[in-house]
């Protein structure tokens, strides 16, 4: 799911490349939202995998993303795209 999300959002795959982007990059937050909703990974894992800083910061960014209507629309579009990548028919 992480790899599909990175690809769909046009994010680089390497740790050092992700670290060059802002910790609160909207695409990272969007992918964090998907990962928290669809998997059991921890905020620590998300923070480490997406170079988003402290796990507490990830929690705050996810909460803010959940209340943002535009982010919600992008969330549903990304969720659909990732599902299509996982199950192409």
N, C-alpha and C. Protein backbone atom coordinates (compact mmCIF):
# COMPACT_ATOMS: atom_id res chain seq x y z
N UNK A 1 0.82 -1.18 0.00
CA UNK A 1 0.00 0.00 0.00
C UNK A 1 0.88 1.26 0.00
N UNK A 2 1.96 1.22 0.75
CA UNK A 2 2.87 2.36 0.79
C UNK A 2 3.45 2.64 -0.59
N UNK A 3 3.96 1.61 -1.25
CA UNK A 3 4.56 1.80 -2.57
C UNK A 3 3.54 2.31 -3.58
N UNK A 4 2.34 1.77 -3.54
CA UNK A 4 1.28 2.21 -4.47
C UNK A 4 0.93 3.66 -4.21
N UNK A 5 0.83 4.04 -2.95
CA UNK A 5 0.52 5.43 -2.59
C UNK A 5 1.62 6.39 -3.02
N UNK A 6 2.87 6.01 -2.79
CA UNK A 6 3.99 6.84 -3.20
C UNK A 6 3.96 7.07 -4.70
N UNK A 7 3.71 5.99 -5.44
CA UNK A 7 3.67 6.08 -6.90
C UNK A 7 2.52 6.96 -7.36
N UNK A 8 1.35 6.73 -6.81
CA UNK A 8 0.15 7.47 -7.22
C UNK A 8 0.28 8.97 -6.93
N UNK A 9 0.94 9.31 -5.83
CA UNK A 9 1.08 10.72 -5.44
C UNK A 9 2.33 11.38 -6.02
N UNK A 10 3.14 10.61 -6.73
CA UNK A 10 4.35 11.16 -7.32
C UNK A 10 5.43 11.48 -6.29
N UNK A 11 5.42 10.75 -5.20
CA UNK A 11 6.43 10.96 -4.16
C UNK A 11 7.63 10.07 -4.42
N UNK A 12 8.83 10.53 -4.07
CA UNK A 12 10.02 9.69 -4.25
C UNK A 12 9.98 8.51 -3.30
N UNK A 13 10.62 7.43 -3.68
CA UNK A 13 10.57 6.22 -2.88
C UNK A 13 11.66 6.08 -1.83
N UNK A 14 12.73 6.80 -1.95
CA UNK A 14 13.83 6.64 -1.01
C UNK A 14 13.67 7.49 0.24
N UNK A 15 14.22 6.99 1.34
CA UNK A 15 14.14 7.71 2.61
C UNK A 15 14.75 9.11 2.53
N UNK A 16 15.91 9.21 1.90
CA UNK A 16 16.58 10.51 1.84
C UNK A 16 15.82 11.49 0.96
N UNK A 17 15.19 10.99 -0.10
CA UNK A 17 14.40 11.87 -0.98
C UNK A 17 13.14 12.35 -0.26
N UNK A 18 12.50 11.47 0.50
CA UNK A 18 11.32 11.88 1.27
C UNK A 18 11.70 12.88 2.35
N UNK A 19 12.88 12.72 2.93
CA UNK A 19 13.32 13.61 3.99
C UNK A 19 13.56 15.04 3.48
N UNK A 20 13.82 15.19 2.19
CA UNK A 20 14.04 16.52 1.62
C UNK A 20 12.74 17.31 1.48
N UNK A 21 11.61 16.61 1.48
CA UNK A 21 10.31 17.27 1.40
C UNK A 21 9.90 17.74 2.79
N UNK A 22 9.03 18.75 2.86
CA UNK A 22 8.54 19.18 4.18
C UNK A 22 7.86 18.02 4.91
N UNK A 23 8.03 18.00 6.23
CA UNK A 23 7.43 16.92 7.02
C UNK A 23 5.91 16.91 6.88
N UNK A 24 5.33 18.09 6.66
CA UNK A 24 3.87 18.20 6.55
C UNK A 24 3.40 18.29 5.10
N UNK A 25 4.22 17.83 4.16
CA UNK A 25 3.82 17.84 2.75
C UNK A 25 2.44 17.19 2.64
N UNK A 26 1.54 17.85 1.94
CA UNK A 26 0.15 17.38 1.86
C UNK A 26 0.05 15.95 1.35
N UNK A 27 0.92 15.59 0.43
CA UNK A 27 0.89 14.22 -0.10
C UNK A 27 1.28 13.21 0.96
N UNK A 28 2.24 13.57 1.81
CA UNK A 28 2.63 12.68 2.91
C UNK A 28 1.47 12.52 3.89
N UNK A 29 0.82 13.63 4.21
CA UNK A 29 -0.31 13.57 5.13
C UNK A 29 -1.43 12.72 4.55
N UNK A 30 -1.69 12.89 3.28
CA UNK A 30 -2.72 12.12 2.62
C UNK A 30 -2.41 10.61 2.67
N UNK A 31 -1.18 10.27 2.41
CA UNK A 31 -0.77 8.86 2.48
C UNK A 31 -0.83 8.35 3.91
N UNK A 32 -0.47 9.19 4.87
CA UNK A 32 -0.57 8.81 6.28
C UNK A 32 -2.03 8.53 6.65
N UNK A 33 -2.95 9.34 6.15
CA UNK A 33 -4.38 9.12 6.40
C UNK A 33 -4.81 7.74 5.88
N UNK A 34 -4.41 7.44 4.66
CA UNK A 34 -4.75 6.14 4.06
C UNK A 34 -4.17 5.00 4.89
N UNK A 35 -2.90 5.11 5.25
CA UNK A 35 -2.24 4.04 5.99
C UNK A 35 -2.89 3.81 7.35
N UNK A 36 -3.27 4.88 8.04
CA UNK A 36 -3.91 4.72 9.35
C UNK A 36 -5.29 4.10 9.21
N UNK A 37 -6.03 4.48 8.18
CA UNK A 37 -7.39 3.97 8.00
C UNK A 37 -7.41 2.52 7.51
N UNK A 38 -6.50 2.18 6.63
CA UNK A 38 -6.54 0.89 5.95
C UNK A 38 -5.61 -0.18 6.52
N UNK A 39 -4.71 0.20 7.43
CA UNK A 39 -3.75 -0.76 7.97
C UNK A 39 -3.69 -0.62 9.48
N UNK A 40 -2.83 -1.41 10.08
CA UNK A 40 -2.63 -1.33 11.53
C UNK A 40 -1.26 -0.75 11.89
N UNK A 41 -0.61 -0.10 10.93
CA UNK A 41 0.71 0.47 11.22
C UNK A 41 0.58 1.61 12.22
N UNK A 42 1.63 1.81 12.98
CA UNK A 42 1.62 2.83 14.03
C UNK A 42 2.04 4.19 13.47
N UNK A 43 1.77 5.23 14.26
CA UNK A 43 2.24 6.56 13.88
C UNK A 43 3.76 6.61 13.85
N UNK A 44 4.41 5.83 14.71
CA UNK A 44 5.87 5.75 14.68
C UNK A 44 6.35 5.23 13.33
N UNK A 45 5.72 4.16 12.84
CA UNK A 45 6.10 3.57 11.55
C UNK A 45 5.86 4.56 10.42
N UNK A 46 4.72 5.23 10.45
CA UNK A 46 4.41 6.22 9.42
C UNK A 46 5.43 7.36 9.45
N UNK A 47 5.71 7.88 10.65
CA UNK A 47 6.66 8.98 10.79
C UNK A 47 8.02 8.59 10.22
N UNK A 48 8.45 7.38 10.51
CA UNK A 48 9.74 6.89 10.04
C UNK A 48 9.73 6.64 8.53
N UNK A 49 8.69 5.99 8.04
CA UNK A 49 8.62 5.60 6.62
C UNK A 49 8.44 6.78 5.68
N UNK A 50 7.75 7.83 6.15
CA UNK A 50 7.48 8.99 5.30
C UNK A 50 8.29 10.22 5.68
N UNK A 51 9.23 10.07 6.61
CA UNK A 51 10.06 11.18 7.08
C UNK A 51 9.19 12.36 7.49
N UNK A 52 8.28 12.09 8.45
CA UNK A 52 7.33 13.11 8.89
C UNK A 52 7.63 13.62 10.30
N UNK A 53 8.79 13.29 10.84
CA UNK A 53 9.14 13.80 12.16
C UNK A 53 8.64 12.91 13.28
N UNK A 54 8.22 13.54 14.36
CA UNK A 54 7.79 12.84 15.57
C UNK A 54 6.41 12.19 15.38
N UNK A 55 6.20 11.01 15.93
CA UNK A 55 4.90 10.33 15.82
C UNK A 55 3.73 11.18 16.32
N UNK A 56 3.96 12.00 17.32
CA UNK A 56 2.91 12.90 17.81
C UNK A 56 2.51 13.92 16.76
N UNK A 57 3.48 14.36 15.99
CA UNK A 57 3.20 15.29 14.89
C UNK A 57 2.36 14.61 13.82
N UNK A 58 2.65 13.36 13.56
CA UNK A 58 1.86 12.59 12.58
C UNK A 58 0.42 12.53 13.04
N UNK A 59 0.22 12.26 14.32
CA UNK A 59 -1.13 12.19 14.87
C UNK A 59 -1.87 13.51 14.67
N UNK A 60 -1.21 14.63 14.93
CA UNK A 60 -1.84 15.94 14.76
C UNK A 60 -2.14 16.22 13.29
N UNK A 61 -1.21 15.85 12.39
CA UNK A 61 -1.44 16.07 10.96
C UNK A 61 -2.59 15.22 10.44
N UNK A 62 -2.70 14.00 10.93
CA UNK A 62 -3.80 13.12 10.52
C UNK A 62 -5.12 13.69 11.01
N UNK A 63 -5.16 14.15 12.24
CA UNK A 63 -6.39 14.75 12.77
C UNK A 63 -6.81 15.97 11.97
N UNK A 64 -5.86 16.81 11.64
CA UNK A 64 -6.17 18.00 10.83
C UNK A 64 -6.64 17.59 9.44
N UNK A 65 -6.02 16.58 8.86
CA UNK A 65 -6.41 16.11 7.53
C UNK A 65 -7.82 15.54 7.51
N UNK A 66 -8.21 14.88 8.58
CA UNK A 66 -9.55 14.30 8.66
C UNK A 66 -10.63 15.37 8.67
N UNK A 67 -10.32 16.53 9.19
CA UNK A 67 -11.33 17.58 9.29
C UNK A 67 -11.33 18.53 8.08
N UNK A 68 -10.41 18.32 7.15
CA UNK A 68 -10.30 19.17 5.96
C UNK A 68 -11.10 18.55 4.81
N UNK A 69 -12.12 19.26 4.32
CA UNK A 69 -13.00 18.72 3.27
C UNK A 69 -12.24 18.40 1.99
N UNK A 70 -11.34 19.29 1.59
CA UNK A 70 -10.57 19.05 0.36
C UNK A 70 -9.68 17.81 0.51
N UNK A 71 -9.11 17.66 1.69
CA UNK A 71 -8.27 16.49 1.95
C UNK A 71 -9.13 15.22 1.92
N UNK A 72 -10.34 15.32 2.40
CA UNK A 72 -11.26 14.17 2.38
C UNK A 72 -11.56 13.74 0.95
N UNK A 73 -11.77 14.69 0.07
CA UNK A 73 -12.02 14.38 -1.34
C UNK A 73 -10.80 13.71 -1.97
N UNK A 74 -9.62 14.24 -1.68
CA UNK A 74 -8.39 13.65 -2.21
C UNK A 74 -8.16 12.26 -1.63
N UNK A 75 -8.54 12.08 -0.34
CA UNK A 75 -8.41 10.79 0.31
C UNK A 75 -9.21 9.73 -0.46
N UNK A 76 -10.45 10.04 -0.77
CA UNK A 76 -11.30 9.07 -1.47
C UNK A 76 -10.77 8.76 -2.87
N UNK A 77 -10.26 9.77 -3.56
CA UNK A 77 -9.69 9.55 -4.89
C UNK A 77 -8.44 8.67 -4.80
N UNK A 78 -7.59 8.93 -3.82
CA UNK A 78 -6.37 8.13 -3.66
C UNK A 78 -6.72 6.71 -3.25
N UNK A 79 -7.67 6.56 -2.35
CA UNK A 79 -8.09 5.23 -1.92
C UNK A 79 -8.58 4.41 -3.11
N UNK A 80 -9.36 5.02 -3.97
CA UNK A 80 -9.87 4.34 -5.16
C UNK A 80 -8.71 3.96 -6.10
N UNK A 81 -7.78 4.88 -6.31
CA UNK A 81 -6.65 4.62 -7.19
C UNK A 81 -5.78 3.48 -6.66
N UNK A 82 -5.54 3.47 -5.36
CA UNK A 82 -4.72 2.42 -4.77
C UNK A 82 -5.43 1.07 -4.88
N UNK A 83 -6.73 1.07 -4.65
CA UNK A 83 -7.50 -0.17 -4.78
C UNK A 83 -7.46 -0.69 -6.21
N UNK A 84 -7.50 0.21 -7.18
CA UNK A 84 -7.44 -0.19 -8.59
C UNK A 84 -6.06 -0.76 -8.92
N UNK A 85 -5.01 -0.21 -8.33
CA UNK A 85 -3.66 -0.74 -8.56
C UNK A 85 -3.52 -2.14 -7.97
N UNK A 86 -4.16 -2.34 -6.82
CA UNK A 86 -4.05 -3.62 -6.13
C UNK A 86 -4.91 -4.69 -6.80
N UNK A 87 -5.99 -4.27 -7.44
CA UNK A 87 -6.93 -5.23 -8.03
C UNK A 87 -7.34 -4.78 -9.45
N UNK A 88 -6.39 -4.75 -10.40
CA UNK A 88 -6.74 -4.32 -11.76
C UNK A 88 -7.61 -5.39 -12.43
N UNK A 89 -8.74 -4.92 -12.97
CA UNK A 89 -9.65 -5.89 -13.60
C UNK A 89 -9.77 -5.66 -15.06
